[in-house]
């Protein structure tokens, strides 16, 4: 009677079948509509009606080796120019600053999107939605140039196309790379790896200081209720899952950030506390996962096109052209 679903195209497709219950009145009667931030609520809304309940929130940022920062007397950067200065200092000291493993595609499009949000903000949403051409988004191009610069300027580890995501994390745990772009799901993995250094966190400074979006992120997973479900029983489960008690337990035990406001307990580990607190404080400035707006087929193609750019077969400008051709072809055929 209950099920999980990704927001965006997957949710819209399920709603179109008529098998997903409209939860709008439940939201209003239960008060949940006041507890879910508007920018998250919009992601589970289809044609003005609410069809899913966000279960967790994810925001992406930079996890860094605090020991190396201390060794090199580096401060956490808050502006893009400062971030570049940190990357230069790390490179000069013989480390690689930015961790990148793109073999197999993942997480090519997500990393690229992080930098485009950081430069274009909500304008990138228009591009993903197909209402603005990729080639008309100068801010998106600036973001892609910044992302490409991680490789072109020697900030990233060598052979990013020759290693996958997990192998790239090993470089971070071994102290070869100093910073890794990741989300809260990384916390438990990092603790399990037991690196011999302390890990810190900061948001990637904005490529464009005027962007209205602070970071890539959004809903990690949502619940839907089947149209044929026992409504009373289903809503009892939903009521329980959206209690602060359960949300705090999930945060404490598996580092899952709730999609609604809670009092973040101070007795959890410092890294989880920092990320949960900062995410809650900046929830209105979180972006969206690209597949919230971009068709999954085009997103898959984007992974390959990003790889082509990182491999030197495309310039950032040519990347934008390729994406426009791929996206417009899909929209014309569907």
C-alpha atoms as a PDB file:
ATOM      1  CA  UNK A   1       0.000   0.000   0.000  1.00  0.00           C
ATOM      2  CA  UNK A   2       3.038   2.242   0.482  1.00  0.00           C
ATOM      3  CA  UNK A   3       5.974   2.501  -1.886  1.00  0.00           C
ATOM      4  CA  UNK A   4       9.078   4.522  -2.565  1.00  0.00           C
ATOM      5  CA  UNK A   5       9.671   6.610  -5.668  1.00  0.00           C
ATOM      6  CA  UNK A   6      12.106   9.184  -7.004  1.00  0.00           C
ATOM      7  CA  UNK A   7      10.588  12.580  -7.648  1.00  0.00           C
ATOM      8  CA  UNK A   8      10.513  14.077 -11.104  1.00  0.00           C
ATOM      9  CA  UNK A   9       9.860  12.029 -14.220  1.00  0.00           C
ATOM     10  CA  UNK A  10       9.322   8.785 -12.297  1.00  0.00           C
ATOM     11  CA  UNK A  11       6.677  10.312 -10.048  1.00  0.00           C
ATOM     12  CA  UNK A  12       4.921  12.005 -12.966  1.00  0.00           C
ATOM     13  CA  UNK A  13       4.850   8.724 -14.878  1.00  0.00           C
ATOM     14  CA  UNK A  14       3.277   6.881 -11.942  1.00  0.00           C
ATOM     15  CA  UNK A  15       0.712   9.615 -11.366  1.00  0.00           C
ATOM     16  CA  UNK A  16      -0.303   9.414 -15.028  1.00  0.00           C
ATOM     17  CA  UNK A  17      -1.345   5.761 -14.506  1.00  0.00           C
ATOM     18  CA  UNK A  18      -4.002   6.775 -11.998  1.00  0.00           C
ATOM     19  CA  UNK A  19      -2.668   4.338  -9.396  1.00  0.00           C
ATOM     20  CA  UNK A  20      -1.164   6.917  -7.012  1.00  0.00           C
ATOM     21  CA  UNK A  21      -3.359   8.537  -4.377  1.00  0.00           C
ATOM     22  CA  UNK A  22      -3.669  12.321  -4.280  1.00  0.00           C
ATOM     23  CA  UNK A  23      -2.329  13.319  -0.846  1.00  0.00           C
ATOM     24  CA  UNK A  24      -3.175  17.017  -0.951  1.00  0.00           C
ATOM     25  CA  UNK A  25      -6.015  16.855   1.582  1.00  0.00           C
ATOM     26  CA  UNK A  26      -3.955  14.599   3.884  1.00  0.00           C
ATOM     27  CA  UNK A  27      -1.170  17.190   3.821  1.00  0.00           C
ATOM     28  CA  UNK A  28      -3.595  19.909   4.853  1.00  0.00           C
ATOM     29  CA  UNK A  29      -5.426  17.905   7.519  1.00  0.00           C
ATOM     30  CA  UNK A  30      -2.257  16.565   9.129  1.00  0.00           C
ATOM     31  CA  UNK A  31      -0.363  19.858   9.027  1.00  0.00           C
ATOM     32  CA  UNK A  32       2.408  18.254   6.975  1.00  0.00           C
ATOM     33  CA  UNK A  33       1.989  20.972   4.368  1.00  0.00           C
ATOM     34  CA  UNK A  34       3.418  23.439   6.901  1.00  0.00           C
ATOM     35  CA  UNK A  35       6.393  21.223   7.781  1.00  0.00           C
ATOM     36  CA  UNK A  36       7.817  20.490   4.319  1.00  0.00           C
ATOM     37  CA  UNK A  37       9.782  23.428   2.832  1.00  0.00           C
ATOM     38  CA  UNK A  38       8.103  24.879  -0.294  1.00  0.00           C
ATOM     39  CA  UNK A  39      11.009  24.080  -2.629  1.00  0.00           C
ATOM     40  CA  UNK A  40      10.782  20.414  -1.606  1.00  0.00           C
ATOM     41  CA  UNK A  41       6.988  20.373  -1.727  1.00  0.00           C
ATOM     42  CA  UNK A  42       7.099  21.573  -5.324  1.00  0.00           C
ATOM     43  CA  UNK A  43       9.095  18.481  -6.267  1.00  0.00           C
ATOM     44  CA  UNK A  44       6.269  16.134  -5.183  1.00  0.00           C
ATOM     45  CA  UNK A  45       3.534  18.243  -6.760  1.00  0.00           C
ATOM     46  CA  UNK A  46       2.078  17.323 -10.148  1.00  0.00           C
ATOM     47  CA  UNK A  47      -0.331  19.752 -11.809  1.00  0.00           C
ATOM     48  CA  UNK A  48      -1.058  21.486  -8.522  1.00  0.00           C
ATOM     49  CA  UNK A  49      -1.727  18.341  -6.467  1.00  0.00           C
ATOM     50  CA  UNK A  50       0.635  16.626  -4.005  1.00  0.00           C
ATOM     51  CA  UNK A  51       1.319  12.935  -4.609  1.00  0.00           C
ATOM     52  CA  UNK A  52       4.333  11.946  -2.486  1.00  0.00           C
ATOM     53  CA  UNK A  53       5.875  12.503   0.934  1.00  0.00           C
ATOM     54  CA  UNK A  54       9.599  13.362   1.032  1.00  0.00           C
ATOM     55  CA  UNK A  55      11.433  11.056   3.419  1.00  0.00           C
ATOM     56  CA  UNK A  56      14.928  12.469   3.413  1.00  0.00           C
ATOM     57  CA  UNK A  57      16.911  15.458   2.257  1.00  0.00           C
ATOM     58  CA  UNK A  58      20.307  15.427   0.610  1.00  0.00           C
ATOM     59  CA  UNK A  59      22.719  18.270  -0.026  1.00  0.00           C
ATOM     60  CA  UNK A  60      26.072  17.977  -1.732  1.00  0.00           C
ATOM     61  CA  UNK A  61      29.258  19.654  -0.576  1.00  0.00           C
ATOM     62  CA  UNK A  62      32.986  19.234  -0.100  1.00  0.00           C
ATOM     63  CA  UNK A  63      34.346  16.785   2.467  1.00  0.00           C
ATOM     64  CA  UNK A  64      37.976  17.580   3.199  1.00  0.00           C
ATOM     65  CA  UNK A  65      41.051  16.286   4.989  1.00  0.00           C
ATOM     66  CA  UNK A  66      41.348  18.571   8.020  1.00  0.00           C
ATOM     67  CA  UNK A  67      44.868  17.330   8.795  1.00  0.00           C
ATOM     68  CA  UNK A  68      46.190  18.458   5.404  1.00  0.00           C
ATOM     69  CA  UNK A  69      44.413  21.800   5.749  1.00  0.00           C
ATOM     70  CA  UNK A  70      46.130  22.256   9.116  1.00  0.00           C
ATOM     71  CA  UNK A  71      49.484  21.138   7.718  1.00  0.00           C
ATOM     72  CA  UNK A  72      49.265  23.706   4.909  1.00  0.00           C
ATOM     73  CA  UNK A  73      47.648  26.347   7.156  1.00  0.00           C
ATOM     74  CA  UNK A  74      44.601  26.577   4.882  1.00  0.00           C
ATOM     75  CA  UNK A  75      41.306  28.180   5.806  1.00  0.00           C
ATOM     76  CA  UNK A  76      37.956  26.837   4.615  1.00  0.00           C
ATOM     77  CA  UNK A  77      37.146  28.855   1.466  1.00  0.00           C
ATOM     78  CA  UNK A  78      33.916  30.798   1.242  1.00  0.00           C
ATOM     79  CA  UNK A  79      34.417  32.372  -2.202  1.00  0.00           C
ATOM     80  CA  UNK A  80      35.352  30.812  -5.542  1.00  0.00           C
ATOM     81  CA  UNK A  81      38.689  32.638  -5.789  1.00  0.00           C
ATOM     82  CA  UNK A  82      39.586  31.350  -2.320  1.00  0.00           C
ATOM     83  CA  UNK A  83      38.694  27.813  -3.386  1.00  0.00           C
ATOM     84  CA  UNK A  84      41.055  28.076  -6.356  1.00  0.00           C
ATOM     85  CA  UNK A  85      43.777  29.365  -4.028  1.00  0.00           C
ATOM     86  CA  UNK A  86      43.270  26.289  -1.831  1.00  0.00           C
ATOM     87  CA  UNK A  87      43.487  23.985  -4.851  1.00  0.00           C
ATOM     88  CA  UNK A  88      46.710  25.676  -5.969  1.00  0.00           C
ATOM     89  CA  UNK A  89      48.242  25.359  -2.506  1.00  0.00           C
ATOM     90  CA  UNK A  90      47.289  21.693  -2.306  1.00  0.00           C
ATOM     91  CA  UNK A  91      48.782  21.015  -5.751  1.00  0.00           C
ATOM     92  CA  UNK A  92      51.991  22.853  -4.862  1.00  0.00           C
ATOM     93  CA  UNK A  93      52.301  20.640  -1.767  1.00  0.00           C
ATOM     94  CA  UNK A  94      52.153  17.470  -3.867  1.00  0.00           C
ATOM     95  CA  UNK A  95      48.541  16.478  -3.264  1.00  0.00           C
ATOM     96  CA  UNK A  96      45.540  16.374  -5.579  1.00  0.00           C
ATOM     97  CA  UNK A  97      42.769  18.661  -4.439  1.00  0.00           C
ATOM     98  CA  UNK A  98      39.670  17.405  -6.192  1.00  0.00           C
ATOM     99  CA  UNK A  99      38.678  13.719  -6.169  1.00  0.00           C
ATOM    100  CA  UNK A 100      37.193  12.459  -9.437  1.00  0.00           C
ATOM    101  CA  UNK A 101      36.334   8.928 -10.595  1.00  0.00           C
ATOM    102  CA  UNK A 102      34.061   8.742 -13.640  1.00  0.00           C
ATOM    103  CA  UNK A 103      34.525   5.237 -15.045  1.00  0.00           C
ATOM    104  CA  UNK A 104      31.138   3.779 -15.902  1.00  0.00           C
ATOM    105  CA  UNK A 105      29.488   7.193 -16.205  1.00  0.00           C
ATOM    106  CA  UNK A 106      28.432   7.811 -12.608  1.00  0.00           C
ATOM    107  CA  UNK A 107      28.746  10.459 -11.236  1.00  0.00           C
ATOM    108  CA  UNK A 108      29.718  12.525 -14.292  1.00  0.00           C
ATOM    109  CA  UNK A 109      26.436  14.387 -14.862  1.00  0.00           C
ATOM    110  CA  UNK A 110      25.908  15.044 -11.156  1.00  0.00           C
ATOM    111  CA  UNK A 111      29.374  16.579 -10.723  1.00  0.00           C
ATOM    112  CA  UNK A 112      28.910  18.724 -13.818  1.00  0.00           C
ATOM    113  CA  UNK A 113      25.486  19.807 -12.593  1.00  0.00           C
ATOM    114  CA  UNK A 114      26.950  20.848  -9.256  1.00  0.00           C
ATOM    115  CA  UNK A 115      29.127  23.408 -10.981  1.00  0.00           C
ATOM    116  CA  UNK A 116      26.335  24.607 -13.270  1.00  0.00           C
ATOM    117  CA  UNK A 117      23.998  25.168 -10.320  1.00  0.00           C
ATOM    118  CA  UNK A 118      26.883  26.990  -8.652  1.00  0.00           C
ATOM    119  CA  UNK A 119      27.020  29.393 -11.567  1.00  0.00           C
ATOM    120  CA  UNK A 120      23.550  29.497 -13.120  1.00  0.00           C
ATOM    121  CA  UNK A 121      21.262  28.755 -10.163  1.00  0.00           C
ATOM    122  CA  UNK A 122      17.592  28.560 -11.131  1.00  0.00           C
ATOM    123  CA  UNK A 123      18.470  29.310 -14.751  1.00  0.00           C
ATOM    124  CA  UNK A 124      19.883  25.786 -14.937  1.00  0.00           C
ATOM    125  CA  UNK A 125      16.458  24.438 -13.962  1.00  0.00           C
ATOM    126  CA  UNK A 126      15.022  26.170 -17.054  1.00  0.00           C
ATOM    127  CA  UNK A 127      17.699  24.457 -19.151  1.00  0.00           C
ATOM    128  CA  UNK A 128      16.969  21.034 -17.642  1.00  0.00           C
ATOM    129  CA  UNK A 129      13.248  21.605 -18.189  1.00  0.00           C
ATOM    130  CA  UNK A 130      13.798  22.326 -21.877  1.00  0.00           C
ATOM    131  CA  UNK A 131      12.440  25.882 -21.718  1.00  0.00           C
ATOM    132  CA  UNK A 132      15.856  27.470 -22.304  1.00  0.00           C
ATOM    133  CA  UNK A 133      18.468  26.161 -24.761  1.00  0.00           C
ATOM    134  CA  UNK A 134      21.694  24.874 -23.272  1.00  0.00           C
ATOM    135  CA  UNK A 135      23.612  27.022 -25.730  1.00  0.00           C
ATOM    136  CA  UNK A 136      21.899  30.203 -24.481  1.00  0.00           C
ATOM    137  CA  UNK A 137      22.969  29.696 -20.860  1.00  0.00           C
ATOM    138  CA  UNK A 138      26.229  31.623 -20.480  1.00  0.00           C
ATOM    139  CA  UNK A 139      26.212  31.028 -16.737  1.00  0.00           C
ATOM    140  CA  UNK A 140      25.935  27.275 -17.342  1.00  0.00           C
ATOM    141  CA  UNK A 141      28.961  27.496 -19.623  1.00  0.00           C
ATOM    142  CA  UNK A 142      30.888  29.338 -16.903  1.00  0.00           C
ATOM    143  CA  UNK A 143      30.053  26.471 -14.546  1.00  0.00           C
ATOM    144  CA  UNK A 144      31.233  23.892 -17.066  1.00  0.00           C
ATOM    145  CA  UNK A 145      34.479  25.786 -17.575  1.00  0.00           C
ATOM    146  CA  UNK A 146      34.981  25.733 -13.797  1.00  0.00           C
ATOM    147  CA  UNK A 147      34.320  21.991 -13.677  1.00  0.00           C
ATOM    148  CA  UNK A 148      36.608  21.296 -16.638  1.00  0.00           C
ATOM    149  CA  UNK A 149      39.255  23.384 -14.879  1.00  0.00           C
ATOM    150  CA  UNK A 150      39.445  20.779 -12.114  1.00  0.00           C
ATOM    151  CA  UNK A 151      41.116  18.480 -14.658  1.00  0.00           C
ATOM    152  CA  UNK A 152      42.667  20.986 -17.048  1.00  0.00           C
ATOM    153  CA  UNK A 153      44.524  22.806 -14.246  1.00  0.00           C
ATOM    154  CA  UNK A 154      45.759  19.648 -12.560  1.00  0.00           C
ATOM    155  CA  UNK A 155      43.583  19.966  -9.468  1.00  0.00           C
ATOM    156  CA  UNK A 156      41.943  16.538  -9.872  1.00  0.00           C
ATOM    157  CA  UNK A 157      43.609  13.156  -9.567  1.00  0.00           C
ATOM    158  CA  UNK A 158      45.057  11.688 -12.789  1.00  0.00           C
ATOM    159  CA  UNK A 159      43.015   9.312 -14.951  1.00  0.00           C
ATOM    160  CA  UNK A 160      39.538  10.304 -13.723  1.00  0.00           C
ATOM    161  CA  UNK A 161      38.001   8.238 -16.538  1.00  0.00           C
ATOM    162  CA  UNK A 162      40.062   5.192 -15.559  1.00  0.00           C
ATOM    163  CA  UNK A 163      38.745   4.814 -12.016  1.00  0.00           C
ATOM    164  CA  UNK A 164      35.224   4.559 -10.683  1.00  0.00           C
ATOM    165  CA  UNK A 165      33.476   6.267  -7.784  1.00  0.00           C
ATOM    166  CA  UNK A 166      34.621   3.779  -5.116  1.00  0.00           C
ATOM    167  CA  UNK A 167      38.209   3.814  -6.327  1.00  0.00           C
ATOM    168  CA  UNK A 168      38.232   7.594  -6.215  1.00  0.00           C
ATOM    169  CA  UNK A 169      37.095   7.481  -2.582  1.00  0.00           C
ATOM    170  CA  UNK A 170      40.055   5.226  -1.801  1.00  0.00           C
ATOM    171  CA  UNK A 171      42.345   8.021  -3.023  1.00  0.00           C
ATOM    172  CA  UNK A 172      40.710  10.324  -0.486  1.00  0.00           C
ATOM    173  CA  UNK A 173      40.935   7.823   2.365  1.00  0.00           C
ATOM    174  CA  UNK A 174      44.618   7.235   1.562  1.00  0.00           C
ATOM    175  CA  UNK A 175      45.367  10.957   1.742  1.00  0.00           C
ATOM    176  CA  UNK A 176      46.302  11.225  -1.946  1.00  0.00           C
ATOM    177  CA  UNK A 177      43.414  13.579  -2.692  1.00  0.00           C
ATOM    178  CA  UNK A 178      42.354  16.185  -0.148  1.00  0.00           C
ATOM    179  CA  UNK A 179      38.748  17.007  -1.039  1.00  0.00           C
ATOM    180  CA  UNK A 180      35.799  14.987  -2.323  1.00  0.00           C
ATOM    181  CA  UNK A 181      32.425  16.218  -3.562  1.00  0.00           C
ATOM    182  CA  UNK A 182      29.714  14.121  -1.922  1.00  0.00           C
ATOM    183  CA  UNK A 183      26.477  14.045   0.050  1.00  0.00           C
ATOM    184  CA  UNK A 184      25.380  12.933   3.533  1.00  0.00           C
ATOM    185  CA  UNK A 185      25.280   9.281   2.423  1.00  0.00           C
ATOM    186  CA  UNK A 186      29.078   9.514   2.405  1.00  0.00           C
ATOM    187  CA  UNK A 187      29.289   9.998   6.188  1.00  0.00           C
ATOM    188  CA  UNK A 188      28.741   6.381   7.211  1.00  0.00           C
ATOM    189  CA  UNK A 189      31.028   5.134   4.425  1.00  0.00           C
ATOM    190  CA  UNK A 190      33.760   7.463   5.637  1.00  0.00           C
ATOM    191  CA  UNK A 191      33.423   6.305   9.234  1.00  0.00           C
ATOM    192  CA  UNK A 192      33.576   2.665   8.100  1.00  0.00           C
ATOM    193  CA  UNK A 193      36.753   3.357   6.101  1.00  0.00           C
ATOM    194  CA  UNK A 194      38.470   4.662   9.260  1.00  0.00           C
ATOM    195  CA  UNK A 195      40.913   7.085   7.598  1.00  0.00           C
ATOM    196  CA  UNK A 196      43.757   8.263   9.817  1.00  0.00           C
ATOM    197  CA  UNK A 197      42.680  11.901   9.574  1.00  0.00           C
ATOM    198  CA  UNK A 198      39.708  14.005  10.633  1.00  0.00           C
ATOM    199  CA  UNK A 199      37.130  14.893   8.004  1.00  0.00           C
ATOM    200  CA  UNK A 200      35.523  18.327   7.692  1.00  0.00           C
ATOM    201  CA  UNK A 201      32.806  19.716   5.451  1.00  0.00           C
ATOM    202  CA  UNK A 202      32.005  22.921   3.584  1.00  0.00           C
ATOM    203  CA  UNK A 203      29.755  23.895   0.710  1.00  0.00           C
ATOM    204  CA  UNK A 204      31.453  24.389  -2.641  1.00  0.00           C
ATOM    205  CA  UNK A 205      31.818  28.174  -2.967  1.00  0.00           C
ATOM    206  CA  UNK A 206      29.651  29.591  -5.730  1.00  0.00           C
ATOM    207  CA  UNK A 207      31.282  30.059  -9.114  1.00  0.00           C
ATOM    208  CA  UNK A 208      28.909  32.997  -9.518  1.00  0.00           C
ATOM    209  CA  UNK A 209      28.364  34.860  -6.216  1.00  0.00           C
ATOM    210  CA  UNK A 210      24.958  36.052  -7.439  1.00  0.00           C
ATOM    211  CA  UNK A 211      23.493  32.573  -7.897  1.00  0.00           C
ATOM    212  CA  UNK A 212      20.246  31.956  -6.012  1.00  0.00           C
ATOM    213  CA  UNK A 213      21.069  28.282  -5.362  1.00  0.00           C
ATOM    214  CA  UNK A 214      23.714  27.345  -2.826  1.00  0.00           C
ATOM    215  CA  UNK A 215      24.265  23.707  -3.687  1.00  0.00           C
ATOM    216  CA  UNK A 216      23.046  20.681  -5.592  1.00  0.00           C
ATOM    217  CA  UNK A 217      20.638  18.617  -3.538  1.00  0.00           C
ATOM    218  CA  UNK A 218      17.021  17.795  -3.051  1.00  0.00           C
ATOM    219  CA  UNK A 219      14.801  14.929  -2.011  1.00  0.00           C
ATOM    220  CA  UNK A 220      16.573  11.618  -1.603  1.00  0.00           C
ATOM    221  CA  UNK A 221      13.447   9.459  -1.593  1.00  0.00           C
ATOM    222  CA  UNK A 222       9.686   9.787  -1.208  1.00  0.00           C
ATOM    223  CA  UNK A 223       6.688   7.677  -0.220  1.00  0.00           C
ATOM    224  CA  UNK A 224       3.570   7.252  -2.305  1.00  0.00           C
ATOM    225  CA  UNK A 225       0.246   5.674  -1.342  1.00  0.00           C
ATOM    226  CA  UNK A 226      -1.439   3.355  -3.807  1.00  0.00           C
ATOM    227  CA  UNK A 227      -4.932   4.354  -4.929  1.00  0.00           C
ATOM    228  CA  UNK A 228      -6.265   0.957  -3.817  1.00  0.00           C
ATOM    229  CA  UNK A 229      -4.583   1.081  -0.365  1.00  0.00           C
ATOM    230  CA  UNK A 230      -6.293   0.933   3.011  1.00  0.00           C
ATOM    231  CA  UNK A 231      -6.113   4.683   3.551  1.00  0.00           C
ATOM    232  CA  UNK A 232      -6.405   4.676   7.350  1.00  0.00           C
ATOM    233  CA  UNK A 233      -3.655   2.084   7.743  1.00  0.00           C
ATOM    234  CA  UNK A 234      -1.413   3.828   5.206  1.00  0.00           C
ATOM    235  CA  UNK A 235      -1.747   7.203   6.880  1.00  0.00           C
ATOM    236  CA  UNK A 236      -0.996   5.704  10.295  1.00  0.00           C
ATOM    237  CA  UNK A 237       2.319   4.506   8.901  1.00  0.00           C
ATOM    238  CA  UNK A 238       2.968   7.892   7.306  1.00  0.00           C
ATOM    239  CA  UNK A 239       2.144   9.681  10.573  1.00  0.00           C
ATOM    240  CA  UNK A 240       4.684   7.495  12.369  1.00  0.00           C
ATOM    241  CA  UNK A 241       7.407   7.941   9.747  1.00  0.00           C
ATOM    242  CA  UNK A 242       7.091  11.718   9.876  1.00  0.00           C
ATOM    243  CA  UNK A 243       7.434  12.051  13.639  1.00  0.00           C
ATOM    244  CA  UNK A 244      10.437  13.912  14.978  1.00  0.00           C
ATOM    245  CA  UNK A 245      11.361  10.864  17.066  1.00  0.00           C
ATOM    246  CA  UNK A 246      11.810   8.660  14.010  1.00  0.00           C
ATOM    247  CA  UNK A 247      13.576  11.441  12.099  1.00  0.00           C
ATOM    248  CA  UNK A 248      16.094  11.952  14.904  1.00  0.00           C
ATOM    249  CA  UNK A 249      16.663   8.218  15.180  1.00  0.00           C
ATOM    250  CA  UNK A 250      17.416   7.971  11.436  1.00  0.00           C
ATOM    251  CA  UNK A 251      19.775  10.935  11.651  1.00  0.00           C
ATOM    252  CA  UNK A 252      21.562   9.507  14.658  1.00  0.00           C
ATOM    253  CA  UNK A 253      21.874   5.915  13.409  1.00  0.00           C
ATOM    254  CA  UNK A 254      22.301   6.173   9.621  1.00  0.00           C
ATOM    255  CA  UNK A 255      23.016   9.882   8.980  1.00  0.00           C
ATOM    256  CA  UNK A 256      19.759  10.422   7.074  1.00  0.00           C
ATOM    257  CA  UNK A 257      18.667  14.067   7.009  1.00  0.00           C
ATOM    258  CA  UNK A 258      14.894  14.517   7.380  1.00  0.00           C
ATOM    259  CA  UNK A 259      12.925  16.501   4.816  1.00  0.00           C
ATOM    260  CA  UNK A 260      11.178  18.490   7.554  1.00  0.00           C
ATOM    261  CA  UNK A 261      12.462  20.619  10.403  1.00  0.00           C
ATOM    262  CA  UNK A 262      13.678  18.965  13.593  1.00  0.00           C
ATOM    263  CA  UNK A 263      15.782  20.026  16.546  1.00  0.00           C
ATOM    264  CA  UNK A 264      19.153  18.555  15.557  1.00  0.00           C
ATOM    265  CA  UNK A 265      20.477  16.686  18.620  1.00  0.00           C
ATOM    266  CA  UNK A 266      23.825  17.989  19.816  1.00  0.00           C
ATOM    267  CA  UNK A 267      25.052  14.619  21.054  1.00  0.00           C
ATOM    268  CA  UNK A 268      25.547  13.135  17.571  1.00  0.00           C
ATOM    269  CA  UNK A 269      28.963  13.073  15.910  1.00  0.00           C
ATOM    270  CA  UNK A 270      30.219  16.582  14.997  1.00  0.00           C
ATOM    271  CA  UNK A 271      30.331  16.007  11.229  1.00  0.00           C
ATOM    272  CA  UNK A 272      26.722  14.819  11.047  1.00  0.00           C
ATOM    273  CA  UNK A 273      25.641  17.655  13.342  1.00  0.00           C
ATOM    274  CA  UNK A 274      27.357  20.243  11.129  1.00  0.00           C
ATOM    275  CA  UNK A 275      25.864  18.939   7.894  1.00  0.00           C
ATOM    276  CA  UNK A 276      22.362  18.506   9.344  1.00  0.00           C
ATOM    277  CA  UNK A 277      22.417  21.985  10.877  1.00  0.00           C
ATOM    278  CA  UNK A 278      23.814  23.735   7.806  1.00  0.00           C
ATOM    279  CA  UNK A 279      21.457  21.905   5.459  1.00  0.00           C
ATOM    280  CA  UNK A 280      18.464  22.872   7.583  1.00  0.00           C
ATOM    281  CA  UNK A 281      19.632  26.488   7.640  1.00  0.00           C
ATOM    282  CA  UNK A 282      20.051  26.576   3.856  1.00  0.00           C
ATOM    283  CA  UNK A 283      17.160  24.370   2.777  1.00  0.00           C
ATOM    284  CA  UNK A 284      15.567  27.197   0.760  1.00  0.00           C
ATOM    285  CA  UNK A 285      18.775  27.502  -1.295  1.00  0.00           C
ATOM    286  CA  UNK A 286      19.083  23.839  -2.249  1.00  0.00           C
ATOM    287  CA  UNK A 287      18.927  22.946  -5.901  1.00  0.00           C
ATOM    288  CA  UNK A 288      17.372  19.865  -7.431  1.00  0.00           C
ATOM    289  CA  UNK A 289      18.681  16.582  -8.718  1.00  0.00           C
ATOM    290  CA  UNK A 290      18.997  16.962 -12.495  1.00  0.00           C
ATOM    291  CA  UNK A 291      16.579  14.073 -13.129  1.00  0.00           C
ATOM    292  CA  UNK A 292      13.868  16.021 -11.324  1.00  0.00           C
ATOM    293  CA  UNK A 293      13.586  17.949 -14.589  1.00  0.00           C
ATOM    294  CA  UNK A 294      15.801  16.256 -17.173  1.00  0.00           C
ATOM    295  CA  UNK A 295      14.418  13.065 -18.789  1.00  0.00           C
ATOM    296  CA  UNK A 296      16.336  10.006 -17.510  1.00  0.00           C
ATOM    297  CA  UNK A 297      17.382   9.068 -21.076  1.00  0.00           C
ATOM    298  CA  UNK A 298      18.944  12.507 -21.608  1.00  0.00           C
ATOM    299  CA  UNK A 299      20.578  12.339 -18.183  1.00  0.00           C
ATOM    300  CA  UNK A 300      22.189   9.046 -19.161  1.00  0.00           C
ATOM    301  CA  UNK A 301      23.461  10.598 -22.378  1.00  0.00           C
ATOM    302  CA  UNK A 302      24.762  13.544 -20.350  1.00  0.00           C
ATOM    303  CA  UNK A 303      27.015  11.209 -18.359  1.00  0.00           C
ATOM    304  CA  UNK A 304      28.661  10.101 -21.595  1.00  0.00           C
ATOM    305  CA  UNK A 305      28.968  13.633 -22.984  1.00  0.00           C
ATOM    306  CA  UNK A 306      30.611  14.818 -19.754  1.00  0.00           C
ATOM    307  CA  UNK A 307      33.068  11.948 -20.038  1.00  0.00           C
ATOM    308  CA  UNK A 308      33.865  13.042 -23.571  1.00  0.00           C
ATOM    309  CA  UNK A 309      34.643  16.531 -22.338  1.00  0.00           C
ATOM    310  CA  UNK A 310      36.801  15.335 -19.440  1.00  0.00           C
ATOM    311  CA  UNK A 311      38.629  13.046 -21.876  1.00  0.00           C
ATOM    312  CA  UNK A 312      39.509  16.036 -24.060  1.00  0.00           C
ATOM    313  CA  UNK A 313      37.243  15.147 -26.983  1.00  0.00           C
ATOM    314  CA  UNK A 314      34.950  18.127 -26.390  1.00  0.00           C
ATOM    315  CA  UNK A 315      35.440  21.662 -25.145  1.00  0.00           C
ATOM    316  CA  UNK A 316      32.924  23.018 -22.613  1.00  0.00           C
ATOM    317  CA  UNK A 317      31.351  24.998 -25.471  1.00  0.00           C
ATOM    318  CA  UNK A 318      31.007  21.832 -27.544  1.00  0.00           C
ATOM    319  CA  UNK A 319      29.541  20.078 -24.512  1.00  0.00           C
ATOM    320  CA  UNK A 320      26.728  22.635 -24.415  1.00  0.00           C
ATOM    321  CA  UNK A 321      26.070  22.137 -28.133  1.00  0.00           C
ATOM    322  CA  UNK A 322      25.996  18.348 -27.776  1.00  0.00           C
ATOM    323  CA  UNK A 323      23.592  18.585 -24.853  1.00  0.00           C
ATOM    324  CA  UNK A 324      21.283  20.898 -26.772  1.00  0.00           C
ATOM    325  CA  UNK A 325      21.186  18.548 -29.753  1.00  0.00           C
ATOM    326  CA  UNK A 326      20.603  15.489 -27.551  1.00  0.00           C
ATOM    327  CA  UNK A 327      17.921  17.169 -25.443  1.00  0.00           C
ATOM    328  CA  UNK A 328      16.031  18.744 -28.353  1.00  0.00           C
ATOM    329  CA  UNK A 329      16.066  15.453 -30.292  1.00  0.00           C
ATOM    330  CA  UNK A 330      14.553  13.614 -27.322  1.00  0.00           C
ATOM    331  CA  UNK A 331      11.842  16.247 -26.818  1.00  0.00           C
ATOM    332  CA  UNK A 332      10.943  16.179 -30.521  1.00  0.00           C
ATOM    333  CA  UNK A 333      10.593  12.382 -30.473  1.00  0.00           C
ATOM    334  CA  UNK A 334       8.622  12.226 -27.228  1.00  0.00           C
END
